[in-house]
PDB file of N, CA and C in Angstrom:
ATOM      1  N   MET A   1      35.612 161.679  96.826  1.00  0.00           N
ATOM      2  CA  MET A   1      34.348 161.470  96.156  1.00  0.00           C
ATOM      3  C   MET A   1      33.281 162.302  96.859  1.00  0.00           C
ATOM      4  N   PRO A   2      32.665 163.257  96.188  1.00  0.00           N
ATOM      5  CA  PRO A   2      31.724 164.155  96.864  1.00  0.00           C
ATOM      6  C   PRO A   2      30.376 163.502  97.195  1.00  0.00           C
ATOM      7  N   TYR A   3      29.981 162.483  96.497  1.00  0.00           N
ATOM      8  CA  TYR A   3      28.671 161.868  96.706  1.00  0.00           C
ATOM      9  C   TYR A   3      28.795 160.458  97.281  1.00  0.00           C
ATOM     10  N   SER A   4      29.574 160.283  98.291  1.00  0.00           N
ATOM     11  CA  SER A   4      29.727 158.950  98.869  1.00  0.00           C
ATOM     12  C   SER A   4      28.578 158.685  99.852  1.00  0.00           C
ATOM     13  N   LEU A   5      28.125 157.451  99.880  1.00  0.00           N
ATOM     14  CA  LEU A   5      27.042 157.038 100.765  1.00  0.00           C
ATOM     15  C   LEU A   5      27.627 156.321 101.980  1.00  0.00           C
ATOM     16  N   ASP A   6      27.037 156.541 103.129  1.00  0.00           N
ATOM     17  CA  ASP A   6      27.507 155.799 104.297  1.00  0.00           C
ATOM     18  C   ASP A   6      27.001 154.353 104.227  1.00  0.00           C
ATOM     19  N   LYS A   7      27.555 153.493 105.062  1.00  0.00           N
ATOM     20  CA  LYS A   7      27.307 152.056 104.971  1.00  0.00           C
ATOM     21  C   LYS A   7      25.830 151.684 105.129  1.00  0.00           C
ATOM     22  N   GLY A   8      25.105 152.341 106.026  1.00  0.00           N
ATOM     23  CA  GLY A   8      23.696 152.015 106.237  1.00  0.00           C
ATOM     24  C   GLY A   8      22.848 152.264 105.007  1.00  0.00           C
ATOM     25  N   ILE A   9      23.045 153.380 104.341  1.00  0.00           N
ATOM     26  CA  ILE A   9      22.281 153.699 103.128  1.00  0.00           C
ATOM     27  C   ILE A   9      22.702 152.785 101.988  1.00  0.00           C
ATOM     28  N   ARG A  10      24.003 152.551 101.873  1.00  0.00           N
ATOM     29  CA  ARG A  10      24.498 151.704 100.787  1.00  0.00           C
ATOM     30  C   ARG A  10      23.956 150.278 100.924  1.00  0.00           C
ATOM     31  N   ASP A  11      23.881 149.749 102.165  1.00  0.00           N
ATOM     32  CA  ASP A  11      23.353 148.399 102.360  1.00  0.00           C
ATOM     33  C   ASP A  11      21.872 148.316 102.041  1.00  0.00           C
ATOM     34  N   SER A  12      21.119 149.413 102.252  1.00  0.00           N
ATOM     35  CA  SER A  12      19.691 149.379 101.942  1.00  0.00           C
ATOM     36  C   SER A  12      19.430 149.427 100.445  1.00  0.00           C
ATOM     37  N   LEU A  13      20.384 149.875  99.668  1.00  0.00           N
ATOM     38  CA  LEU A  13      20.212 149.967  98.220  1.00  0.00           C
ATOM     39  C   LEU A  13      20.694 148.727  97.473  1.00  0.00           C
ATOM     40  N   VAL A  14      21.421 147.875  98.136  1.00  0.00           N
ATOM     41  CA  VAL A  14      21.999 146.701  97.479  1.00  0.00           C
ATOM     42  C   VAL A  14      20.979 145.570  97.464  1.00  0.00           C
ATOM     43  N   ILE A  15      20.837 144.921  96.326  1.00  0.00           N
ATOM     44  CA  ILE A  15      19.981 143.746  96.219  1.00  0.00           C
ATOM     45  C   ILE A  15      20.754 142.571  96.785  1.00  0.00           C
ATOM     46  N   ARG A  16      20.277 142.039  97.901  1.00  0.00           N
ATOM     47  CA  ARG A  16      21.009 140.967  98.563  1.00  0.00           C
ATOM     48  C   ARG A  16      20.643 139.593  98.002  1.00  0.00           C
ATOM     49  N   PHE A  17      19.435 139.416  97.527  1.00  0.00           N
ATOM     50  CA  PHE A  17      18.985 138.108  97.065  1.00  0.00           C
ATOM     51  C   PHE A  17      18.843 138.154  95.547  1.00  0.00           C
ATOM     52  N   GLN A  18      19.574 137.308  94.891  1.00  0.00           N
ATOM     53  CA  GLN A  18      19.545 137.256  93.446  1.00  0.00           C
ATOM     54  C   GLN A  18      18.776 136.021  92.997  1.00  0.00           C
ATOM     55  N   TYR A  19      18.084 136.149  91.900  1.00  0.00           N
ATOM     56  CA  TYR A  19      17.354 135.032  91.306  1.00  0.00           C
ATOM     57  C   TYR A  19      18.350 134.064  90.689  1.00  0.00           C
ATOM     58  N   ASP A  20      18.218 132.788  91.016  1.00  0.00           N
ATOM     59  CA  ASP A  20      19.090 131.764  90.469  1.00  0.00           C
ATOM     60  C   ASP A  20      18.252 130.850  89.582  1.00  0.00           C
ATOM     61  N   ALA A  21      18.435 130.923  88.269  1.00  0.00           N
ATOM     62  CA  ALA A  21      17.623 130.162  87.320  1.00  0.00           C
ATOM     63  C   ALA A  21      17.836 128.661  87.449  1.00  0.00           C
ATOM     64  N   GLY A  22      18.951 128.223  88.001  1.00  0.00           N
ATOM     65  CA  GLY A  22      19.228 126.801  88.121  1.00  0.00           C
ATOM     66  C   GLY A  22      18.662 126.192  89.393  1.00  0.00           C
ATOM     67  N   SER A  23      18.118 126.980  90.277  1.00  0.00           N
ATOM     68  CA  SER A  23      17.619 126.480  91.553  1.00  0.00           C
ATOM     69  C   SER A  23      16.132 126.789  91.685  1.00  0.00           C
ATOM     70  N   SER A  24      15.291 126.084  90.913  1.00  0.00           N
ATOM     71  CA  SER A  24      13.864 126.394  90.892  1.00  0.00           C
ATOM     72  C   SER A  24      13.165 126.024  92.199  1.00  0.00           C
ATOM     73  N   PHE A  25      13.591 124.958  92.877  1.00  0.00           N
ATOM     74  CA  PHE A  25      12.969 124.577  94.144  1.00  0.00           C
ATOM     75  C   PHE A  25      13.192 125.676  95.193  1.00  0.00           C
ATOM     76  N   LYS A  26      14.388 126.193  95.266  1.00  0.00           N
ATOM     77  CA  LYS A  26      14.707 127.278  96.203  1.00  0.00           C
ATOM     78  C   LYS A  26      13.914 128.532  95.843  1.00  0.00           C
ATOM     79  N   ASN A  27      13.759 128.825  94.572  1.00  0.00           N
ATOM     80  CA  ASN A  27      13.022 130.016  94.142  1.00  0.00           C
ATOM     81  C   ASN A  27      11.533 129.924  94.474  1.00  0.00           C
ATOM     82  N   MET A  28      10.956 128.721  94.376  1.00  0.00           N
ATOM     83  CA  MET A  28       9.530 128.565  94.660  1.00  0.00           C
ATOM     84  C   MET A  28       9.212 128.785  96.131  1.00  0.00           C
ATOM     85  N   PHE A  29      10.110 128.424  97.020  1.00  0.00           N
ATOM     86  CA  PHE A  29       9.840 128.497  98.443  1.00  0.00           C
ATOM     87  C   PHE A  29      10.606 129.618  99.143  1.00  0.00           C
ATOM     88  N   TRP A  30      11.119 130.572  98.385  1.00  0.00           N
ATOM     89  CA  TRP A  30      11.832 131.701  98.968  1.00  0.00           C
ATOM     90  C   TRP A  30      10.817 132.689  99.513  1.00  0.00           C
ATOM     91  N   PHE A  31      10.918 133.032 100.774  1.00  0.00           N
ATOM     92  CA  PHE A  31       9.938 133.869 101.447  1.00  0.00           C
ATOM     93  C   PHE A  31      10.455 135.281 101.708  1.00  0.00           C
ATOM     94  N   SER A  32      11.721 135.394 101.967  1.00  0.00           N
ATOM     95  CA  SER A  32      12.292 136.685 102.344  1.00  0.00           C
ATOM     96  C   SER A  32      12.353 137.631 101.139  1.00  0.00           C
ATOM     97  N   GLY A  33      11.942 138.861 101.367  1.00  0.00           N
ATOM     98  CA  GLY A  33      11.987 139.868 100.317  1.00  0.00           C
ATOM     99  C   GLY A  33      10.788 139.853  99.395  1.00  0.00           C
ATOM    100  N   THR A  34       9.729 139.118  99.733  1.00  0.00           N
ATOM    101  CA  THR A  34       8.551 139.053  98.884  1.00  0.00           C
ATOM    102  C   THR A  34       7.413 139.870  99.482  1.00  0.00           C
ATOM    103  N   ALA A  35       6.359 140.066  98.704  1.00  0.00           N
ATOM    104  CA  ALA A  35       5.183 140.781  99.204  1.00  0.00           C
ATOM    105  C   ALA A  35       4.444 139.952 100.248  1.00  0.00           C
ATOM    106  N   ILE A  36       4.546 138.634 100.174  1.00  0.00           N
ATOM    107  CA  ILE A  36       3.896 137.769 101.156  1.00  0.00           C
ATOM    108  C   ILE A  36       4.456 138.037 102.547  1.00  0.00           C
ATOM    109  N   GLU A  37       5.746 138.250 102.633  1.00  0.00           N
ATOM    110  CA  GLU A  37       6.380 138.570 103.915  1.00  0.00           C
ATOM    111  C   GLU A  37       5.829 139.873 104.483  1.00  0.00           C
ATOM    112  N   LEU A  38       5.612 140.853 103.629  1.00  0.00           N
ATOM    113  CA  LEU A  38       5.083 142.137 104.091  1.00  0.00           C
ATOM    114  C   LEU A  38       3.632 142.020 104.545  1.00  0.00           C
ATOM    115  N   VAL A  39       2.819 141.250 103.831  1.00  0.00           N
ATOM    116  CA  VAL A  39       1.403 141.108 104.175  1.00  0.00           C
ATOM    117  C   VAL A  39       1.230 140.327 105.470  1.00  0.00           C
ATOM    118  N   PHE A  40       1.894 139.183 105.584  1.00  0.00           N
ATOM    119  CA  PHE A  40       1.745 138.349 106.776  1.00  0.00           C
ATOM    120  C   PHE A  40       2.350 138.976 108.015  1.00  0.00           C
ATOM    121  N   GLY A  41       3.199 139.950 107.853  1.00  0.00           N
ATOM    122  CA  GLY A  41       3.815 140.622 108.991  1.00  0.00           C
ATOM    123  C   GLY A  41       2.968 141.732 109.578  1.00  0.00           C
ATOM    124  N   LYS A  42       1.871 142.074 108.940  1.00  0.00           N
ATOM    125  CA  LYS A  42       1.023 143.178 109.409  1.00  0.00           C
ATOM    126  C   LYS A  42      -0.060 142.669 110.354  1.00  0.00           C
ATOM    127  N   PRO A  43      -0.224 143.311 111.506  1.00  0.00           N
ATOM    128  CA  PRO A  43      -1.280 142.901 112.435  1.00  0.00           C
ATOM    129  C   PRO A  43      -2.688 143.111 111.874  1.00  0.00           C
ATOM    130  N   LEU A  44      -2.863 144.102 111.003  1.00  0.00           N
ATOM    131  CA  LEU A  44      -4.180 144.342 110.414  1.00  0.00           C
ATOM    132  C   LEU A  44      -4.647 143.130 109.613  1.00  0.00           C
ATOM    133  N   TRP A  45      -3.758 142.497 108.881  1.00  0.00           N
ATOM    134  CA  TRP A  45      -4.127 141.312 108.104  1.00  0.00           C
ATOM    135  C   TRP A  45      -4.600 140.195 109.015  1.00  0.00           C
ATOM    136  N   TRP A  46      -3.901 139.970 110.123  1.00  0.00           N
ATOM    137  CA  TRP A  46      -4.283 138.915 111.057  1.00  0.00           C
ATOM    138  C   TRP A  46      -5.610 139.241 111.724  1.00  0.00           C
ATOM    139  N   CYS A  47      -5.848 140.514 112.075  1.00  0.00           N
ATOM    140  CA  CYS A  47      -7.129 140.900 112.697  1.00  0.00           C
ATOM    141  C   CYS A  47      -8.294 140.700 111.728  1.00  0.00           C
ATOM    142  N   LEU A  48      -8.132 141.103 110.482  1.00  0.00           N
ATOM    143  CA  LEU A  48      -9.201 140.945 109.501  1.00  0.00           C
ATOM    144  C   LEU A  48      -9.455 139.469 109.180  1.00  0.00           C
ATOM    145  N   THR A  49      -8.398 138.669 109.134  1.00  0.00           N
ATOM    146  CA  THR A  49      -8.570 137.240 108.905  1.00  0.00           C
ATOM    147  C   THR A  49      -9.300 136.593 110.074  1.00  0.00           C
ATOM    148  N   GLY A  50      -8.951 136.971 111.294  1.00  0.00           N
ATOM    149  CA  GLY A  50      -9.641 136.447 112.471  1.00  0.00           C
ATOM    150  C   GLY A  50     -11.101 136.857 112.499  1.00  0.00           C
ATOM    151  N   LEU A  51     -11.390 138.110 112.134  1.00  0.00           N
ATOM    152  CA  LEU A  51     -12.772 138.582 112.071  1.00  0.00           C
ATOM    153  C   LEU A  51     -13.566 137.804 111.015  1.00  0.00           C
ATOM    154  N   HIS A  52     -12.955 137.558 109.885  1.00  0.00           N
ATOM    155  CA  HIS A  52     -13.598 136.799 108.819  1.00  0.00           C
ATOM    156  C   HIS A  52     -13.975 135.402 109.302  1.00  0.00           C
ATOM    157  N   TRP A  53     -13.037 134.699 109.925  1.00  0.00           N
ATOM    158  CA  TRP A  53     -13.309 133.335 110.376  1.00  0.00           C
ATOM    159  C   TRP A  53     -14.322 133.315 111.513  1.00  0.00           C
ATOM    160  N   THR A  54     -14.303 134.316 112.379  1.00  0.00           N
ATOM    161  CA  THR A  54     -15.286 134.383 113.459  1.00  0.00           C
ATOM    162  C   THR A  54     -16.690 134.560 112.897  1.00  0.00           C
ATOM    163  N   LEU A  55     -16.857 135.481 111.959  1.00  0.00           N
ATOM    164  CA  LEU A  55     -18.176 135.694 111.357  1.00  0.00           C
ATOM    165  C   LEU A  55     -18.638 134.479 110.559  1.00  0.00           C
ATOM    166  N   TRP A  56     -17.723 133.821 109.871  1.00  0.00           N
ATOM    167  CA  TRP A  56     -18.087 132.608 109.130  1.00  0.00           C
ATOM    168  C   TRP A  56     -18.555 131.517 110.081  1.00  0.00           C
ATOM    169  N   PHE A  57     -17.835 131.355 111.192  1.00  0.00           N
ATOM    170  CA  PHE A  57     -18.197 130.332 112.169  1.00  0.00           C
ATOM    171  C   PHE A  57     -19.580 130.603 112.755  1.00  0.00           C
ATOM    172  N   VAL A  58     -19.857 131.873 113.085  1.00  0.00           N
ATOM    173  CA  VAL A  58     -21.173 132.229 113.626  1.00  0.00           C
ATOM    174  C   VAL A  58     -22.255 131.967 112.584  1.00  0.00           C
ATOM    175  N   LYS A  59     -21.994 132.337 111.336  1.00  0.00           N
ATOM    176  CA  LYS A  59     -22.984 132.140 110.278  1.00  0.00           C
ATOM    177  C   LYS A  59     -23.296 130.665 110.062  1.00  0.00           C
ATOM    178  N   GLU A  60     -22.292 129.827 110.087  1.00  0.00           N
ATOM    179  CA  GLU A  60     -22.490 128.412 109.783  1.00  0.00           C
ATOM    180  C   GLU A  60     -23.073 127.623 110.945  1.00  0.00           C
ATOM    181  N   PHE A  61     -22.765 128.001 112.180  1.00  0.00           N
ATOM    182  CA  PHE A  61     -23.092 127.129 113.294  1.00  0.00           C
ATOM    183  C   PHE A  61     -24.083 127.707 114.300  1.00  0.00           C
ATOM    184  N   HIS A  62     -24.558 128.924 114.133  1.00  0.00           N
ATOM    185  CA  HIS A  62     -25.582 129.466 115.037  1.00  0.00           C
ATOM    186  C   HIS A  62     -26.944 129.126 114.452  1.00  0.00           C
ATOM    187  N   THR A  63     -27.644 128.188 115.090  1.00  0.00           N
ATOM    188  CA  THR A  63     -28.891 127.683 114.508  1.00  0.00           C
ATOM    189  C   THR A  63     -30.111 127.850 115.394  1.00  0.00           C
ATOM    190  N   CYS A  64     -29.993 128.516 116.528  1.00  0.00           N
ATOM    191  CA  CYS A  64     -31.098 128.695 117.492  1.00  0.00           C
ATOM    192  C   CYS A  64     -31.535 127.368 118.104  1.00  0.00           C
ATOM    193  N   GLN A  65     -30.704 126.375 118.123  1.00  0.00           N
ATOM    194  CA  GLN A  65     -31.030 125.083 118.714  1.00  0.00           C
ATOM    195  C   GLN A  65     -30.653 125.027 120.194  1.00  0.00           C
ATOM    196  N   GLU A  66     -30.004 126.078 120.700  1.00  0.00           N
ATOM    197  CA  GLU A  66     -29.564 126.079 122.087  1.00  0.00           C
ATOM    198  C   GLU A  66     -30.767 126.113 123.020  1.00  0.00           C
ATOM    199  N   ILE A  67     -30.590 125.632 124.222  1.00  0.00           N
ATOM    200  CA  ILE A  67     -31.661 125.606 125.218  1.00  0.00           C
ATOM    201  C   ILE A  67     -32.032 127.018 125.649  1.00  0.00           C
ATOM    202  N   SER A  68     -31.051 127.888 125.755  1.00  0.00           N
ATOM    203  CA  SER A  68     -31.307 129.250 126.244  1.00  0.00           C
ATOM    204  C   SER A  68     -31.681 130.224 125.130  1.00  0.00           C
ATOM    205  N   ALA A  69     -31.937 129.740 123.906  1.00  0.00           N
ATOM    206  CA  ALA A  69     -32.287 130.637 122.803  1.00  0.00           C
ATOM    207  C   ALA A  69     -33.678 131.226 123.029  1.00  0.00           C
ATOM    208  N   PRO A  70     -33.861 132.518 122.796  1.00  0.00           N
ATOM    209  CA  PRO A  70     -35.189 133.121 122.973  1.00  0.00           C
ATOM    210  C   PRO A  70     -36.182 132.613 121.918  1.00  0.00           C
ATOM    211  N   TYR A  71     -37.455 132.848 122.172  1.00  0.00           N
ATOM    212  CA  TYR A  71     -38.521 132.346 121.303  1.00  0.00           C
ATOM    213  C   TYR A  71     -38.423 132.914 119.886  1.00  0.00           C
ATOM    214  N   ASN A  72     -38.065 134.198 119.758  1.00  0.00           N
ATOM    215  CA  ASN A  72     -38.009 134.834 118.432  1.00  0.00           C
ATOM    216  C   ASN A  72     -36.590 134.841 117.868  1.00  0.00           C
ATOM    217  N   CYS A  73     -35.841 133.810 118.100  1.00  0.00           N
ATOM    218  CA  CYS A  73     -34.459 133.714 117.621  1.00  0.00           C
ATOM    219  C   CYS A  73     -34.438 133.505 116.108  1.00  0.00           C
ATOM    220  N   ILE A  74     -33.572 134.234 115.432  1.00  0.00           N
ATOM    221  CA  ILE A  74     -33.382 134.081 113.985  1.00  0.00           C
ATOM    222  C   ILE A  74     -31.989 133.475 113.774  1.00  0.00           C
ATOM    223  N   PRO A  75     -31.884 132.377 113.028  1.00  0.00           N
ATOM    224  CA  PRO A  75     -30.562 131.800 112.777  1.00  0.00           C
ATOM    225  C   PRO A  75     -29.657 132.803 112.061  1.00  0.00           C
ATOM    226  N   ALA A  76     -28.363 132.718 112.379  1.00  0.00           N
ATOM    227  CA  ALA A  76     -27.396 133.680 111.832  1.00  0.00           C
ATOM    228  C   ALA A  76     -27.327 133.607 110.320  1.00  0.00           C
ATOM    229  N   LYS A  77     -27.547 132.439 109.743  1.00  0.00           N
ATOM    230  CA  LYS A  77     -27.482 132.314 108.277  1.00  0.00           C
ATOM    231  C   LYS A  77     -28.541 133.178 107.607  1.00  0.00           C
ATOM    232  N   GLN A  78     -29.740 133.252 108.196  1.00  0.00           N
ATOM    233  CA  GLN A  78     -30.796 134.102 107.648  1.00  0.00           C
ATOM    234  C   GLN A  78     -30.438 135.586 107.809  1.00  0.00           C
ATOM    235  N   VAL A  79     -29.814 135.931 108.915  1.00  0.00           N
ATOM    236  CA  VAL A  79     -29.416 137.333 109.131  1.00  0.00           C
ATOM    237  C   VAL A  79     -28.372 137.746 108.105  1.00  0.00           C
ATOM    238  N   PHE A  80     -27.387 136.883 107.834  1.00  0.00           N
ATOM    239  CA  PHE A  80     -26.332 137.217 106.868  1.00  0.00           C
ATOM    240  C   PHE A  80     -26.848 137.191 105.434  1.00  0.00           C
ATOM    241  N   ASP A  81     -27.882 136.409 105.166  1.00  0.00           N
ATOM    242  CA  ASP A  81     -28.428 136.325 103.806  1.00  0.00           C
ATOM    243  C   ASP A  81     -29.265 137.537 103.422  1.00  0.00           C
ATOM    244  N   ARG A  82     -29.688 138.317 104.399  1.00  0.00           N
ATOM    245  CA  ARG A  82     -30.519 139.497 104.098  1.00  0.00           C
ATOM    246  C   ARG A  82     -29.774 140.551 103.355  1.00  0.00           C
TER     247      ARG A  82
END
């Protein structure tokens, strides 16, 4: 056979996970081979999510009520609303 594929290439082309119409519970919670697996595996997604939550926390809870706050302190919510 002139166009034979070696085992590594052949395994990458084979669909290993098949959809089973009779097993809806398994299909709903199947994680492997989905786009969710690719997104959650990227460090950029985790960094951006962490940045989002950090900025949200600062916006919601920085109120200039601290003892060491300077006289002309502007609450973070007003800064983000501009």
